[in-house]
Every structure is written in structure tokens, then in C-alpha cells.
Amino acid sequence: MGPVAAAGLTLGLPSAVAGASSSNDEPTDADIGFCADMSVHHVQALAMCQRVLGRNTGGSVQAAAAEVLQNQAMEVGQMRAWLTDWNASTLPPTMVMGWMGAGDGAGMPLAMMPGYATPEELSELSTLRRRKRGRRWLELMRAHHVGGVAMATHAAQMATVPKVIRLAAAQAQVQTYEISQYDILLKGEYS
């Protein structure tokens, strides 16, 4: 069983949905909204990674940040390409998650997006040193991933375009695993 099918089973999605055998390529508000919102969510994760990479935060955080940077940079490019193909904006939205029904469908301000770090948290991350910076990155990225998993799980159930369903299911699976790894590090070498 491939990772996408496994993600579908993990999230309780019907295998036809997880395998995305549908031929529907016309995006809905859920497809477009998810790609726009997850792109901006990922961009902040990339900024957090840049604040720790190359710094003396410990090998585990360096490896984790490098992995997030590589995977999420690729996914941002992928989602923005889809948005461009659909003639949708690739600019960062100011209101997010309306496609999920947040704010009675009107959405919420970007700053309130679950898991989205505040400017103060990002500044703190930039000023801490060594293991303290590594620990803070793990805490912030964990919270960020919790918000991302909720969004991706919702998208895997609401989206209609097969490639969006596959990506959302895979993101939920990968980020859930990464959260478990961050928990181990926070209880162990970064406690």
C-alpha cells in the first residue's frame, strides 16, 4: 500500500477518495481555499526553519528543520502552481479558512489561523540561543503542525480535485508523524 492510500486509511477516508480515482479536475472553494491557506501557513513554517538552520540548536532540530524546509517549499510551489492554473490568486490571503466554515464562512484574519505564530513568537525564536532556540522551534512547529493537520484533514474530506485530496491526506499523515517526533525530542534531549 502506498503512502497516499495509507494516509486515506489513517484519516478514515474512503479508499476511492484516498486513491483519488475521480476524474473531477474542476476546483471548488475548498480546493482553492485550502491551497491558498496552506501555502501561507507553509510560508511561515519556512520562515521558522530559516531562523534555526545553520545555528547551534542541536542536530535533531537541524535535521527536522531541513526536512520541513525541503518538503514544504516544494508543496508551496505545487499549490501555487495549481492556483495559477485555476486563475486564482497566489497572494497571501488576509482572511483564511472561510472554505472550512470558519467565521460563519467569512473566514478569520490570517493572524488567528490555528498554529500561526505571532510576530512576538517569531522574534523570540530569532533571539534565543542554542538548545533554547531549538526547543522553542520544536514548540512552535508542533503547534503549527497541529493547525496544519486540522486544515489538511478537513481538506482531504471536502476537496474534490484528486491531486488536492492526495496532497492534503499526505500532509496530514506526515505532519502527524512529525508532531510525534517533536514530542519525543521535547520530552528527551530538549526537555
N, C-alpha and C. Protein backbone atom coordinates (compact mmCIF):
# COMPACT_ATOMS: atom_id res chain seq x y z
N MET A 1 0.85 -1.18 0.00
CA MET A 1 0.00 0.00 0.00
C MET A 1 0.89 1.24 0.00
N GLY A 2 0.62 2.18 -0.88
CA GLY A 2 1.42 3.40 -0.96
C GLY A 2 1.09 4.36 0.16
N PRO A 3 1.92 5.43 0.34
CA PRO A 3 1.71 6.37 1.42
C PRO A 3 0.39 7.12 1.31
N VAL A 4 -0.07 7.38 0.09
CA VAL A 4 -1.33 8.11 -0.06
C VAL A 4 -2.49 7.24 0.38
N ALA A 5 -2.49 5.97 -0.03
CA ALA A 5 -3.56 5.08 0.39
C ALA A 5 -3.52 4.89 1.90
N ALA A 6 -2.32 4.77 2.45
CA ALA A 6 -2.19 4.63 3.90
C ALA A 6 -2.73 5.87 4.60
N ALA A 7 -2.45 7.05 4.03
CA ALA A 7 -2.97 8.29 4.62
C ALA A 7 -4.49 8.28 4.60
N GLY A 8 -5.07 7.78 3.53
CA GLY A 8 -6.53 7.72 3.45
C GLY A 8 -7.10 6.82 4.52
N LEU A 9 -6.46 5.69 4.77
CA LEU A 9 -6.93 4.77 5.80
C LEU A 9 -6.75 5.38 7.17
N THR A 10 -5.62 6.05 7.39
CA THR A 10 -5.34 6.67 8.68
C THR A 10 -6.38 7.74 8.99
N LEU A 11 -6.78 8.49 8.00
CA LEU A 11 -7.73 9.58 8.23
C LEU A 11 -9.18 9.11 8.14
N GLY A 12 -9.40 7.84 7.84
CA GLY A 12 -10.75 7.32 7.75
C GLY A 12 -11.44 7.72 6.46
N LEU A 13 -10.67 8.01 5.42
CA LEU A 13 -11.26 8.38 4.14
C LEU A 13 -11.60 7.13 3.35
N PRO A 14 -12.66 7.17 2.56
CA PRO A 14 -12.91 6.03 1.70
C PRO A 14 -11.73 5.83 0.77
N SER A 15 -11.40 4.57 0.46
CA SER A 15 -10.22 4.31 -0.37
C SER A 15 -10.35 4.94 -1.75
N ALA A 16 -11.54 5.07 -2.29
CA ALA A 16 -11.70 5.72 -3.60
C ALA A 16 -11.28 7.19 -3.51
N VAL A 17 -11.58 7.82 -2.38
CA VAL A 17 -11.19 9.21 -2.21
C VAL A 17 -9.68 9.29 -2.01
N ALA A 18 -9.16 8.44 -1.13
CA ALA A 18 -7.72 8.48 -0.86
C ALA A 18 -6.92 8.18 -2.12
N GLY A 19 -7.42 7.26 -2.93
CA GLY A 19 -6.75 6.93 -4.18
C GLY A 19 -7.04 7.93 -5.27
N ALA A 20 -8.02 8.79 -5.04
CA ALA A 20 -8.37 9.87 -5.95
C ALA A 20 -8.63 9.36 -7.36
N SER A 21 -9.52 8.37 -7.47
CA SER A 21 -9.82 7.82 -8.79
C SER A 21 -10.85 8.66 -9.54
N SER A 22 -11.39 9.69 -8.89
CA SER A 22 -12.36 10.55 -9.55
C SER A 22 -11.70 11.32 -10.68
N SER A 23 -12.48 11.72 -11.66
CA SER A 23 -11.92 12.48 -12.78
C SER A 23 -12.26 13.97 -12.66
N ASN A 24 -12.75 14.39 -11.49
CA ASN A 24 -13.12 15.78 -11.28
C ASN A 24 -11.87 16.64 -11.13
N ASP A 25 -11.64 17.51 -12.09
CA ASP A 25 -10.50 18.42 -12.01
C ASP A 25 -10.93 19.87 -11.87
N GLU A 26 -12.22 20.11 -11.72
CA GLU A 26 -12.74 21.48 -11.55
C GLU A 26 -12.70 21.84 -10.07
N PRO A 27 -11.88 22.82 -9.68
CA PRO A 27 -11.73 23.12 -8.26
C PRO A 27 -12.97 23.78 -7.66
N THR A 28 -13.20 23.45 -6.40
CA THR A 28 -14.26 24.10 -5.63
C THR A 28 -13.62 25.13 -4.70
N ASP A 29 -14.44 25.81 -3.92
CA ASP A 29 -13.91 26.75 -2.93
C ASP A 29 -12.98 26.04 -1.95
N ALA A 30 -13.28 24.76 -1.63
CA ALA A 30 -12.44 24.02 -0.70
C ALA A 30 -11.06 23.77 -1.31
N ASP A 31 -11.00 23.39 -2.58
CA ASP A 31 -9.71 23.15 -3.24
C ASP A 31 -8.87 24.43 -3.28
N ILE A 32 -9.49 25.50 -3.73
CA ILE A 32 -8.78 26.78 -3.86
C ILE A 32 -8.43 27.35 -2.49
N GLY A 33 -9.39 27.33 -1.58
CA GLY A 33 -9.15 27.87 -0.24
C GLY A 33 -8.06 27.13 0.49
N PHE A 34 -8.09 25.81 0.40
CA PHE A 34 -7.06 25.01 1.06
C PHE A 34 -5.69 25.35 0.50
N CYS A 35 -5.55 25.38 -0.81
CA CYS A 35 -4.24 25.66 -1.42
C CYS A 35 -3.74 27.05 -1.05
N ALA A 36 -4.62 28.02 -1.04
CA ALA A 36 -4.22 29.39 -0.67
C ALA A 36 -3.83 29.46 0.81
N ASP A 37 -4.66 28.87 1.66
CA ASP A 37 -4.41 28.95 3.10
C ASP A 37 -3.20 28.11 3.52
N MET A 38 -3.08 26.90 2.98
CA MET A 38 -1.95 26.06 3.37
C MET A 38 -0.64 26.64 2.83
N SER A 39 -0.70 27.31 1.68
CA SER A 39 0.51 27.94 1.15
C SER A 39 1.04 28.99 2.12
N VAL A 40 0.17 29.86 2.60
CA VAL A 40 0.62 30.91 3.51
C VAL A 40 1.03 30.31 4.85
N HIS A 41 0.37 29.25 5.28
CA HIS A 41 0.74 28.55 6.51
C HIS A 41 2.14 27.96 6.36
N HIS A 42 2.39 27.31 5.23
CA HIS A 42 3.71 26.74 4.95
C HIS A 42 4.80 27.81 4.88
N VAL A 43 4.49 28.95 4.28
CA VAL A 43 5.49 30.02 4.16
C VAL A 43 5.98 30.43 5.55
N GLN A 44 5.07 30.48 6.52
CA GLN A 44 5.53 30.82 7.87
C GLN A 44 6.42 29.70 8.44
N ALA A 45 6.08 28.46 8.15
CA ALA A 45 6.93 27.35 8.61
C ALA A 45 8.34 27.48 8.02
N LEU A 46 8.40 27.87 6.75
CA LEU A 46 9.71 28.07 6.12
C LEU A 46 10.50 29.16 6.83
N ALA A 47 9.82 30.23 7.20
CA ALA A 47 10.49 31.33 7.91
C ALA A 47 11.00 30.86 9.27
N MET A 48 10.23 30.00 9.94
CA MET A 48 10.68 29.47 11.23
C MET A 48 11.91 28.58 11.04
N CYS A 49 11.92 27.79 9.98
CA CYS A 49 13.08 26.93 9.70
C CYS A 49 14.32 27.77 9.44
N GLN A 50 14.17 28.86 8.71
CA GLN A 50 15.31 29.72 8.41
C GLN A 50 15.89 30.35 9.68
N ARG A 51 15.09 30.46 10.72
CA ARG A 51 15.58 31.04 11.97
C ARG A 51 16.43 30.06 12.79
N VAL A 52 16.41 28.77 12.43
CA VAL A 52 17.21 27.82 13.19
C VAL A 52 18.30 27.13 12.37
N LEU A 53 18.09 27.01 11.08
CA LEU A 53 19.07 26.30 10.26
C LEU A 53 20.42 27.01 10.27
N GLY A 54 21.48 26.21 10.45
CA GLY A 54 22.83 26.75 10.50
C GLY A 54 23.21 27.33 11.84
N ARG A 55 22.31 27.21 12.81
CA ARG A 55 22.59 27.71 14.16
C ARG A 55 22.88 26.51 15.06
N ASN A 56 23.49 26.73 16.17
CA ASN A 56 23.86 25.65 17.09
C ASN A 56 22.66 25.28 17.97
N THR A 57 21.67 24.62 17.36
CA THR A 57 20.45 24.24 18.08
C THR A 57 20.39 22.74 18.35
N GLY A 58 21.41 22.01 17.95
CA GLY A 58 21.42 20.57 18.10
C GLY A 58 21.08 19.89 16.80
N GLY A 59 21.67 18.73 16.58
CA GLY A 59 21.50 18.01 15.33
C GLY A 59 20.07 17.60 15.03
N SER A 60 19.30 17.26 16.06
CA SER A 60 17.92 16.82 15.83
C SER A 60 17.05 17.94 15.26
N VAL A 61 17.19 19.14 15.80
CA VAL A 61 16.41 20.27 15.28
C VAL A 61 16.91 20.65 13.90
N GLN A 62 18.22 20.58 13.68
CA GLN A 62 18.74 20.89 12.35
C GLN A 62 18.15 19.94 11.30
N ALA A 63 18.11 18.66 11.62
CA ALA A 63 17.56 17.67 10.68
C ALA A 63 16.07 17.89 10.46
N ALA A 64 15.34 18.14 11.54
CA ALA A 64 13.89 18.34 11.43
C ALA A 64 13.57 19.60 10.62
N ALA A 65 14.29 20.67 10.89
CA ALA A 65 14.05 21.93 10.17
C ALA A 65 14.40 21.79 8.70
N ALA A 66 15.48 21.09 8.40
CA ALA A 66 15.86 20.88 7.00
C ALA A 66 14.79 20.09 6.26
N GLU A 67 14.22 19.09 6.93
CA GLU A 67 13.18 18.28 6.31
C GLU A 67 11.91 19.11 6.05
N VAL A 68 11.51 19.89 7.04
CA VAL A 68 10.32 20.74 6.86
C VAL A 68 10.57 21.73 5.73
N LEU A 69 11.74 22.35 5.72
CA LEU A 69 12.07 23.33 4.69
C LEU A 69 11.97 22.71 3.30
N GLN A 70 12.57 21.56 3.13
CA GLN A 70 12.56 20.91 1.81
C GLN A 70 11.15 20.52 1.38
N ASN A 71 10.42 19.84 2.25
CA ASN A 71 9.09 19.35 1.88
C ASN A 71 8.09 20.48 1.66
N GLN A 72 8.08 21.43 2.59
CA GLN A 72 7.05 22.47 2.50
C GLN A 72 7.36 23.49 1.41
N ALA A 73 8.62 23.73 1.11
CA ALA A 73 8.94 24.62 -0.01
C ALA A 73 8.43 24.02 -1.32
N MET A 74 8.61 22.71 -1.48
CA MET A 74 8.11 22.05 -2.68
C MET A 74 6.58 22.12 -2.74
N GLU A 75 5.93 21.90 -1.61
CA GLU A 75 4.47 21.93 -1.58
C GLU A 75 3.92 23.33 -1.85
N VAL A 76 4.60 24.36 -1.37
CA VAL A 76 4.17 25.74 -1.66
C VAL A 76 4.20 25.95 -3.17
N GLY A 77 5.29 25.55 -3.82
CA GLY A 77 5.39 25.69 -5.27
C GLY A 77 4.29 24.93 -5.99
N GLN A 78 4.01 23.74 -5.53
CA GLN A 78 2.97 22.90 -6.13
C GLN A 78 1.59 23.56 -5.98
N MET A 79 1.25 23.99 -4.76
CA MET A 79 -0.07 24.59 -4.54
C MET A 79 -0.21 25.92 -5.28
N ARG A 80 0.84 26.71 -5.32
CA ARG A 80 0.77 27.99 -6.06
C ARG A 80 0.65 27.75 -7.56
N ALA A 81 1.27 26.70 -8.07
CA ALA A 81 1.12 26.37 -9.50
C ALA A 81 -0.32 25.99 -9.79
N TRP A 82 -0.94 25.21 -8.90
CA TRP A 82 -2.34 24.85 -9.10
C TRP A 82 -3.23 26.09 -9.06
N LEU A 83 -2.97 26.97 -8.09
CA LEU A 83 -3.77 28.20 -8.00
C LEU A 83 -3.64 29.01 -9.30
N THR A 84 -2.43 29.10 -9.83
CA THR A 84 -2.21 29.80 -11.10
C THR A 84 -2.99 29.13 -12.23
N ASP A 85 -2.95 27.81 -12.29
CA ASP A 85 -3.69 27.07 -13.32
C ASP A 85 -5.19 27.32 -13.22
N TRP A 86 -5.67 27.55 -12.00
CA TRP A 86 -7.11 27.79 -11.78
C TRP A 86 -7.47 29.27 -11.86
N ASN A 87 -6.52 30.11 -12.26
CA ASN A 87 -6.73 31.56 -12.31
C ASN A 87 -7.13 32.14 -10.96
N ALA A 88 -6.58 31.57 -9.90
CA ALA A 88 -6.83 32.05 -8.54
C ALA A 88 -5.59 32.81 -8.07
N SER A 89 -5.78 33.67 -7.11
CA SER A 89 -4.68 34.49 -6.60
C SER A 89 -3.66 33.64 -5.86
N THR A 90 -2.41 34.00 -6.01
CA THR A 90 -1.33 33.37 -5.23
C THR A 90 -0.81 34.32 -4.14
N LEU A 91 -1.45 35.48 -4.02
CA LEU A 91 -1.07 36.41 -2.96
C LEU A 91 -1.52 35.86 -1.62
N PRO A 92 -0.77 36.14 -0.55
CA PRO A 92 -1.20 35.66 0.77
C PRO A 92 -2.57 36.25 1.14
N PRO A 93 -3.51 35.40 1.52
CA PRO A 93 -4.83 35.90 1.89
C PRO A 93 -4.79 36.65 3.23
N THR A 94 -5.65 37.62 3.38
CA THR A 94 -5.76 38.31 4.67
C THR A 94 -6.82 37.65 5.54
N MET A 95 -7.82 37.04 4.89
CA MET A 95 -8.84 36.26 5.60
C MET A 95 -8.67 34.81 5.17
N VAL A 96 -8.70 33.90 6.13
CA VAL A 96 -8.44 32.49 5.85
C VAL A 96 -9.53 31.59 6.42
N MET A 97 -9.58 30.39 5.93
CA MET A 97 -10.39 29.30 6.44
C MET A 97 -11.89 29.48 6.28
N GLY A 98 -12.30 30.41 5.43
CA GLY A 98 -13.72 30.55 5.12
C GLY A 98 -14.26 29.29 4.46
N TRP A 99 -13.44 28.63 3.66
CA TRP A 99 -13.84 27.40 2.98
C TRP A 99 -14.14 26.28 3.97
N MET A 100 -13.63 26.40 5.21
CA MET A 100 -13.88 25.42 6.26
C MET A 100 -15.10 25.77 7.08
N GLY A 101 -15.70 26.92 6.78
CA GLY A 101 -16.85 27.37 7.56
C GLY A 101 -16.48 28.26 8.72
N ALA A 102 -15.18 28.60 8.87
CA ALA A 102 -14.75 29.46 9.97
C ALA A 102 -15.37 30.84 9.81
N GLY A 103 -15.73 31.44 10.93
CA GLY A 103 -16.34 32.77 10.88
C GLY A 103 -17.63 32.78 10.09
N ASP A 104 -18.41 31.70 10.24
CA ASP A 104 -19.67 31.54 9.50
C ASP A 104 -19.45 31.63 8.00
N GLY A 105 -18.30 31.14 7.55
CA GLY A 105 -18.00 31.12 6.12
C GLY A 105 -17.27 32.35 5.62
N ALA A 106 -17.17 33.38 6.46
CA ALA A 106 -16.47 34.60 6.05
C ALA A 106 -14.97 34.46 6.30
N GLY A 107 -14.59 33.48 7.11
CA GLY A 107 -13.19 33.29 7.43
C GLY A 107 -12.77 34.03 8.68
N MET A 108 -11.48 34.03 8.90
CA MET A 108 -10.89 34.71 10.05
C MET A 108 -9.62 35.40 9.60
N PRO A 109 -9.17 36.40 10.33
CA PRO A 109 -7.91 37.06 9.96
C PRO A 109 -6.76 36.05 9.99
N LEU A 110 -5.82 36.23 9.09
CA LEU A 110 -4.66 35.34 9.00
C LEU A 110 -3.98 35.15 10.34
N ALA A 111 -3.84 36.20 11.11
CA ALA A 111 -3.15 36.13 12.41
C ALA A 111 -3.84 35.17 13.37
N MET A 112 -5.10 34.86 13.15
CA MET A 112 -5.84 33.96 14.04
C MET A 112 -5.84 32.51 13.55
N MET A 113 -5.19 32.24 12.44
CA MET A 113 -5.15 30.88 11.89
C MET A 113 -4.52 29.94 12.92
N PRO A 114 -5.16 28.80 13.19
CA PRO A 114 -4.60 27.87 14.18
C PRO A 114 -3.16 27.46 13.85
N GLY A 115 -2.31 27.59 14.87
CA GLY A 115 -0.92 27.23 14.71
C GLY A 115 -0.03 28.32 14.14
N TYR A 116 -0.64 29.43 13.74
CA TYR A 116 0.13 30.51 13.13
C TYR A 116 0.83 31.31 14.23
N ALA A 117 2.15 31.35 14.19
CA ALA A 117 2.92 32.03 15.22
C ALA A 117 2.73 33.54 15.15
N THR A 118 2.79 34.17 16.30
CA THR A 118 2.66 35.62 16.36
C THR A 118 4.00 36.28 16.02
N PRO A 119 3.99 37.55 15.67
CA PRO A 119 5.27 38.25 15.45
C PRO A 119 6.19 38.19 16.68
N GLU A 120 5.60 38.25 17.87
CA GLU A 120 6.39 38.19 19.09
C GLU A 120 7.06 36.81 19.24
N GLU A 121 6.33 35.75 18.90
CA GLU A 121 6.91 34.40 18.98
C GLU A 121 8.05 34.23 17.97
N LEU A 122 7.87 34.78 16.77
CA LEU A 122 8.93 34.70 15.77
C LEU A 122 10.15 35.50 16.19
N SER A 123 9.92 36.65 16.80
CA SER A 123 11.03 37.46 17.30
C SER A 123 11.78 36.73 18.41
N GLU A 124 11.03 36.13 19.33
CA GLU A 124 11.65 35.35 20.40
C GLU A 124 12.49 34.22 19.82
N LEU A 125 11.96 33.52 18.82
CA LEU A 125 12.69 32.43 18.19
C LEU A 125 14.02 32.92 17.62
N SER A 126 14.00 34.12 17.09
CA SER A 126 15.21 34.70 16.49
C SER A 126 16.26 35.11 17.52
N THR A 127 15.84 35.37 18.75
CA THR A 127 16.78 35.90 19.74
C THR A 127 17.30 34.85 20.71
N LEU A 128 16.62 33.72 20.85
CA LEU A 128 17.10 32.67 21.74
C LEU A 128 18.37 32.04 21.18
N ARG A 129 19.11 31.39 22.04
CA ARG A 129 20.37 30.78 21.61
C ARG A 129 20.38 29.28 21.89
N ARG A 130 21.14 28.59 21.06
CA ARG A 130 21.47 27.18 21.21
C ARG A 130 20.23 26.30 21.44
N ARG A 131 20.29 25.45 22.47
CA ARG A 131 19.21 24.49 22.72
C ARG A 131 17.88 25.19 23.03
N LYS A 132 17.95 26.37 23.65
CA LYS A 132 16.71 27.10 23.94
C LYS A 132 16.01 27.47 22.63
N ARG A 133 16.79 27.86 21.63
CA ARG A 133 16.20 28.17 20.32
C ARG A 133 15.65 26.89 19.70
N GLY A 134 16.38 25.81 19.82
CA GLY A 134 15.92 24.54 19.29
C GLY A 134 14.62 24.10 19.94
N ARG A 135 14.55 24.21 21.27
CA ARG A 135 13.33 23.83 21.98
C ARG A 135 12.15 24.71 21.55
N ARG A 136 12.40 26.01 21.44
CA ARG A 136 11.30 26.92 21.05
C ARG A 136 10.84 26.61 19.64
N TRP A 137 11.76 26.25 18.75
CA TRP A 137 11.37 25.88 17.39
C TRP A 137 10.47 24.65 17.43
N LEU A 138 10.84 23.65 18.22
CA LEU A 138 10.03 22.45 18.34
C LEU A 138 8.62 22.77 18.86
N GLU A 139 8.55 23.64 19.85
CA GLU A 139 7.25 24.01 20.42
C GLU A 139 6.39 24.74 19.38
N LEU A 140 6.99 25.72 18.71
CA LEU A 140 6.25 26.49 17.71
C LEU A 140 5.87 25.63 16.50
N MET A 141 6.79 24.79 16.04
CA MET A 141 6.49 23.97 14.87
C MET A 141 5.46 22.90 15.22
N ARG A 142 5.49 22.41 16.44
CA ARG A 142 4.47 21.44 16.86
C ARG A 142 3.09 22.08 16.78
N ALA A 143 2.94 23.27 17.38
CA ALA A 143 1.66 23.98 17.33
C ALA A 143 1.26 24.28 15.89
N HIS A 144 2.23 24.67 15.10
CA HIS A 144 1.98 24.98 13.69
C HIS A 144 1.45 23.74 12.97
N HIS A 145 2.08 22.60 13.21
CA HIS A 145 1.64 21.35 12.58
C HIS A 145 0.26 20.92 13.06
N VAL A 146 -0.06 21.14 14.33
CA VAL A 146 -1.40 20.79 14.82
C VAL A 146 -2.45 21.55 14.01
N GLY A 147 -2.21 22.84 13.79
CA GLY A 147 -3.12 23.62 12.95
C GLY A 147 -3.14 23.13 11.52
N GLY A 148 -1.97 22.77 10.99
CA GLY A 148 -1.88 22.26 9.63
C GLY A 148 -2.60 20.93 9.45
N VAL A 149 -2.48 20.04 10.42
CA VAL A 149 -3.14 18.73 10.34
C VAL A 149 -4.66 18.92 10.32
N ALA A 150 -5.16 19.81 11.16
CA ALA A 150 -6.61 20.05 11.18
C ALA A 150 -7.08 20.55 9.82
N MET A 151 -6.35 21.49 9.23
CA MET A 151 -6.72 22.03 7.94
C MET A 151 -6.62 20.96 6.84
N ALA A 152 -5.54 20.21 6.83
CA ALA A 152 -5.33 19.19 5.80
C ALA A 152 -6.37 18.07 5.92
N THR A 153 -6.69 17.66 7.13
CA THR A 153 -7.70 16.62 7.33
C THR A 153 -9.05 17.08 6.79
N HIS A 154 -9.38 18.32 7.09
CA HIS A 154 -10.64 18.90 6.59
C HIS A 154 -10.63 18.95 5.06
N ALA A 155 -9.53 19.37 4.48
CA ALA A 155 -9.43 19.47 3.02
C ALA A 155 -9.53 18.10 2.37
N ALA A 156 -8.91 17.09 2.98
CA ALA A 156 -8.97 15.74 2.40
C ALA A 156 -10.40 15.24 2.33
N GLN A 157 -11.26 15.74 3.18
CA GLN A 157 -12.66 15.33 3.19
C GLN A 157 -13.55 16.24 2.34
N MET A 158 -13.16 17.50 2.15
CA MET A 158 -14.01 18.47 1.44
C MET A 158 -13.60 18.74 -0.01
N ALA A 159 -12.33 18.60 -0.31
CA ALA A 159 -11.86 18.92 -1.66
C ALA A 159 -12.44 17.94 -2.67
N THR A 160 -12.43 18.35 -3.93
CA THR A 160 -12.95 17.48 -4.99
C THR A 160 -11.91 17.14 -6.05
N VAL A 161 -10.86 17.94 -6.14
CA VAL A 161 -9.81 17.69 -7.14
C VAL A 161 -8.89 16.60 -6.58
N PRO A 162 -8.71 15.50 -7.31
CA PRO A 162 -7.93 14.37 -6.80
C PRO A 162 -6.54 14.72 -6.29
N LYS A 163 -5.81 15.57 -7.01
CA LYS A 163 -4.45 15.88 -6.56
C LYS A 163 -4.46 16.68 -5.26
N VAL A 164 -5.49 17.47 -5.03
CA VAL A 164 -5.60 18.22 -3.78
C VAL A 164 -5.92 17.26 -2.64
N ILE A 165 -6.81 16.32 -2.89
CA ILE A 165 -7.16 15.32 -1.87
C ILE A 165 -5.92 14.51 -1.49
N ARG A 166 -5.16 14.08 -2.50
CA ARG A 166 -3.94 13.30 -2.22
C ARG A 166 -2.94 14.11 -1.41
N LEU A 167 -2.71 15.36 -1.81
CA LEU A 167 -1.75 16.20 -1.09
C LEU A 167 -2.20 16.44 0.34
N ALA A 168 -3.45 16.78 0.53
CA ALA A 168 -3.97 17.06 1.87
C ALA A 168 -3.84 15.83 2.77
N ALA A 169 -4.20 14.66 2.25
CA ALA A 169 -4.10 13.43 3.04
C ALA A 169 -2.64 13.14 3.40
N ALA A 170 -1.74 13.32 2.46
CA ALA A 170 -0.32 13.09 2.72
C ALA A 170 0.22 14.10 3.74
N GLN A 171 -0.19 15.37 3.63
CA GLN A 171 0.27 16.38 4.58
C GLN A 171 -0.19 16.04 6.00
N ALA A 172 -1.44 15.62 6.14
CA ALA A 172 -1.96 15.26 7.46
C ALA A 172 -1.17 14.10 8.05
N GLN A 173 -0.85 13.12 7.23
CA GLN A 173 -0.11 11.96 7.71
C GLN A 173 1.32 12.34 8.10
N VAL A 174 2.01 13.07 7.25
CA VAL A 174 3.40 13.45 7.52
C VAL A 174 3.49 14.35 8.75
N GLN A 175 2.63 15.35 8.83
CA GLN A 175 2.72 16.29 9.94
C GLN A 175 2.31 15.63 11.27
N THR A 176 1.40 14.68 11.22
CA THR A 176 1.06 13.93 12.44
C THR A 176 2.26 13.15 12.93
N TYR A 177 2.97 12.52 12.01
CA TYR A 177 4.19 11.80 12.38
C TYR A 177 5.24 12.76 12.94
N GLU A 178 5.43 13.90 12.28
CA GLU A 178 6.43 14.86 12.76
C GLU A 178 6.08 15.38 14.15
N ILE A 179 4.80 15.59 14.44
CA ILE A 179 4.38 16.01 15.79
C ILE A 179 4.84 14.97 16.81
N SER A 180 4.66 13.69 16.49
CA SER A 180 5.08 12.63 17.43
C SER A 180 6.59 12.67 17.65
N GLN A 181 7.35 12.98 16.62
CA GLN A 181 8.79 13.08 16.76
C GLN A 181 9.19 14.30 17.59
N TYR A 182 8.50 15.42 17.39
CA TYR A 182 8.78 16.62 18.19
C TYR A 182 8.48 16.35 19.66
N ASP A 183 7.40 15.61 19.93
CA ASP A 183 7.06 15.28 21.32
C ASP A 183 8.18 14.48 21.98
N ILE A 184 8.74 13.54 21.24
CA ILE A 184 9.85 12.73 21.77
C ILE A 184 11.04 13.64 22.10
N LEU A 185 11.37 14.54 21.20
CA LEU A 185 12.51 15.44 21.42
C LEU A 185 12.25 16.39 22.59
N LEU A 186 11.01 16.89 22.70
CA LEU A 186 10.68 17.82 23.78
C LEU A 186 10.71 17.14 25.15
N LYS A 187 10.42 15.84 25.17
CA LYS A 187 10.47 15.10 26.44
C LYS A 187 11.85 14.54 26.71
N GLY A 188 12.70 14.53 25.71
CA GLY A 188 14.04 13.96 25.84
C GLY A 188 15.13 15.00 25.80
N GLU A 189 15.86 15.03 24.69
CA GLU A 189 17.06 15.87 24.65
C GLU A 189 16.78 17.38 24.72
N TYR A 190 15.52 17.81 24.49
CA TYR A 190 15.20 19.24 24.58
C TYR A 190 14.31 19.57 25.77
N SER A 191 14.30 18.68 26.79
CA SER A 191 13.44 18.92 27.96
C SER A 191 14.08 19.96 28.88
